[in-house]
């Protein structure tokens, strides 16, 4: 699996065939492999406030990945 700038890539056929981890195609169009699980919707600051205050609040910051 090609790794470019710390991001994993695989071709569409290997992703569709569940072979993304063993993809060695470099001549095909490569697609970035997304992280497993549900994407985060809160920034690190709001996530920490949620843990400390034990309340569920909506993130009011500009970007959800702020501080990551």
C-alpha atoms as a PDB file:
ATOM      1  CA  UNK A   1       0.000   0.000   0.000  1.00  0.00           C
ATOM      2  CA  UNK A   2       1.571   3.297  -1.051  1.00  0.00           C
ATOM      3  CA  UNK A   3       2.036   5.796   1.781  1.00  0.00           C
ATOM      4  CA  UNK A   4       2.399   9.441   0.733  1.00  0.00           C
ATOM      5  CA  UNK A   5       2.949  12.142   3.387  1.00  0.00           C
ATOM      6  CA  UNK A   6       1.799   9.745   6.109  1.00  0.00           C
ATOM      7  CA  UNK A   7      -1.502   8.971   4.346  1.00  0.00           C
ATOM      8  CA  UNK A   8      -2.363   5.534   2.988  1.00  0.00           C
ATOM      9  CA  UNK A   9      -3.566   5.096  -0.582  1.00  0.00           C
ATOM     10  CA  UNK A  10      -4.988   2.220  -2.652  1.00  0.00           C
ATOM     11  CA  UNK A  11      -6.631   1.848  -6.055  1.00  0.00           C
ATOM     12  CA  UNK A  12     -10.425   1.686  -6.374  1.00  0.00           C
ATOM     13  CA  UNK A  13     -10.482  -1.994  -7.404  1.00  0.00           C
ATOM     14  CA  UNK A  14      -8.464  -3.073  -4.367  1.00  0.00           C
ATOM     15  CA  UNK A  15     -10.640  -0.996  -2.042  1.00  0.00           C
ATOM     16  CA  UNK A  16     -13.812  -2.477  -3.525  1.00  0.00           C
ATOM     17  CA  UNK A  17     -12.346  -5.993  -3.305  1.00  0.00           C
ATOM     18  CA  UNK A  18     -11.280  -5.516   0.347  1.00  0.00           C
ATOM     19  CA  UNK A  19      -7.591  -5.760  -0.602  1.00  0.00           C
ATOM     20  CA  UNK A  20      -6.560  -2.177   0.219  1.00  0.00           C
ATOM     21  CA  UNK A  21      -3.826  -3.223   2.645  1.00  0.00           C
ATOM     22  CA  UNK A  22      -2.076  -5.308  -0.022  1.00  0.00           C
ATOM     23  CA  UNK A  23      -2.534  -2.930  -2.973  1.00  0.00           C
ATOM     24  CA  UNK A  24       0.717  -2.376  -4.880  1.00  0.00           C
ATOM     25  CA  UNK A  25      -0.716  -0.652  -7.962  1.00  0.00           C
ATOM     26  CA  UNK A  26       0.990   2.642  -8.707  1.00  0.00           C
ATOM     27  CA  UNK A  27      -0.145   3.127 -12.309  1.00  0.00           C
ATOM     28  CA  UNK A  28      -3.857   3.342 -11.376  1.00  0.00           C
ATOM     29  CA  UNK A  29      -5.657   6.294  -9.819  1.00  0.00           C
ATOM     30  CA  UNK A  30      -5.095   6.073  -6.074  1.00  0.00           C
ATOM     31  CA  UNK A  31      -7.681   6.972  -3.434  1.00  0.00           C
ATOM     32  CA  UNK A  32      -6.838   7.929   0.139  1.00  0.00           C
ATOM     33  CA  UNK A  33      -7.816   5.306   2.721  1.00  0.00           C
ATOM     34  CA  UNK A  34     -10.013   6.876   5.393  1.00  0.00           C
ATOM     35  CA  UNK A  35      -9.562   6.163   9.084  1.00  0.00           C
ATOM     36  CA  UNK A  36     -11.728   3.485  10.655  1.00  0.00           C
ATOM     37  CA  UNK A  37     -14.718   4.429  12.742  1.00  0.00           C
ATOM     38  CA  UNK A  38     -16.924   7.432  12.978  1.00  0.00           C
ATOM     39  CA  UNK A  39     -15.272  10.804  12.245  1.00  0.00           C
ATOM     40  CA  UNK A  40     -14.866  13.241  15.122  1.00  0.00           C
ATOM     41  CA  UNK A  41     -17.249  16.187  15.238  1.00  0.00           C
ATOM     42  CA  UNK A  42     -15.648  18.073  18.120  1.00  0.00           C
ATOM     43  CA  UNK A  43     -12.288  19.812  18.355  1.00  0.00           C
ATOM     44  CA  UNK A  44      -9.786  18.709  20.989  1.00  0.00           C
ATOM     45  CA  UNK A  45     -10.585  21.710  23.219  1.00  0.00           C
ATOM     46  CA  UNK A  46     -14.356  21.042  23.277  1.00  0.00           C
ATOM     47  CA  UNK A  47     -13.734  17.312  23.767  1.00  0.00           C
ATOM     48  CA  UNK A  48     -11.577  18.018  26.830  1.00  0.00           C
ATOM     49  CA  UNK A  49     -14.202  20.420  28.242  1.00  0.00           C
ATOM     50  CA  UNK A  50     -16.799  17.691  27.757  1.00  0.00           C
ATOM     51  CA  UNK A  51     -14.723  15.234  29.798  1.00  0.00           C
ATOM     52  CA  UNK A  52     -13.997  17.716  32.598  1.00  0.00           C
ATOM     53  CA  UNK A  53     -17.509  19.149  32.979  1.00  0.00           C
ATOM     54  CA  UNK A  54     -19.312  15.868  32.238  1.00  0.00           C
ATOM     55  CA  UNK A  55     -21.821  17.574  29.950  1.00  0.00           C
ATOM     56  CA  UNK A  56     -22.684  16.961  26.331  1.00  0.00           C
ATOM     57  CA  UNK A  57     -22.252  20.267  24.485  1.00  0.00           C
ATOM     58  CA  UNK A  58     -22.128  21.052  20.786  1.00  0.00           C
ATOM     59  CA  UNK A  59     -18.760  22.196  19.437  1.00  0.00           C
ATOM     60  CA  UNK A  60     -18.952  25.902  18.611  1.00  0.00           C
ATOM     61  CA  UNK A  61     -15.434  26.215  17.181  1.00  0.00           C
ATOM     62  CA  UNK A  62     -14.729  26.754  13.479  1.00  0.00           C
ATOM     63  CA  UNK A  63     -13.217  23.370  12.627  1.00  0.00           C
ATOM     64  CA  UNK A  64     -13.795  19.958  14.262  1.00  0.00           C
ATOM     65  CA  UNK A  65     -10.125  18.959  13.866  1.00  0.00           C
ATOM     66  CA  UNK A  66      -8.764  22.047  15.621  1.00  0.00           C
ATOM     67  CA  UNK A  67      -5.932  21.035  17.906  1.00  0.00           C
ATOM     68  CA  UNK A  68      -5.474  17.528  16.447  1.00  0.00           C
END
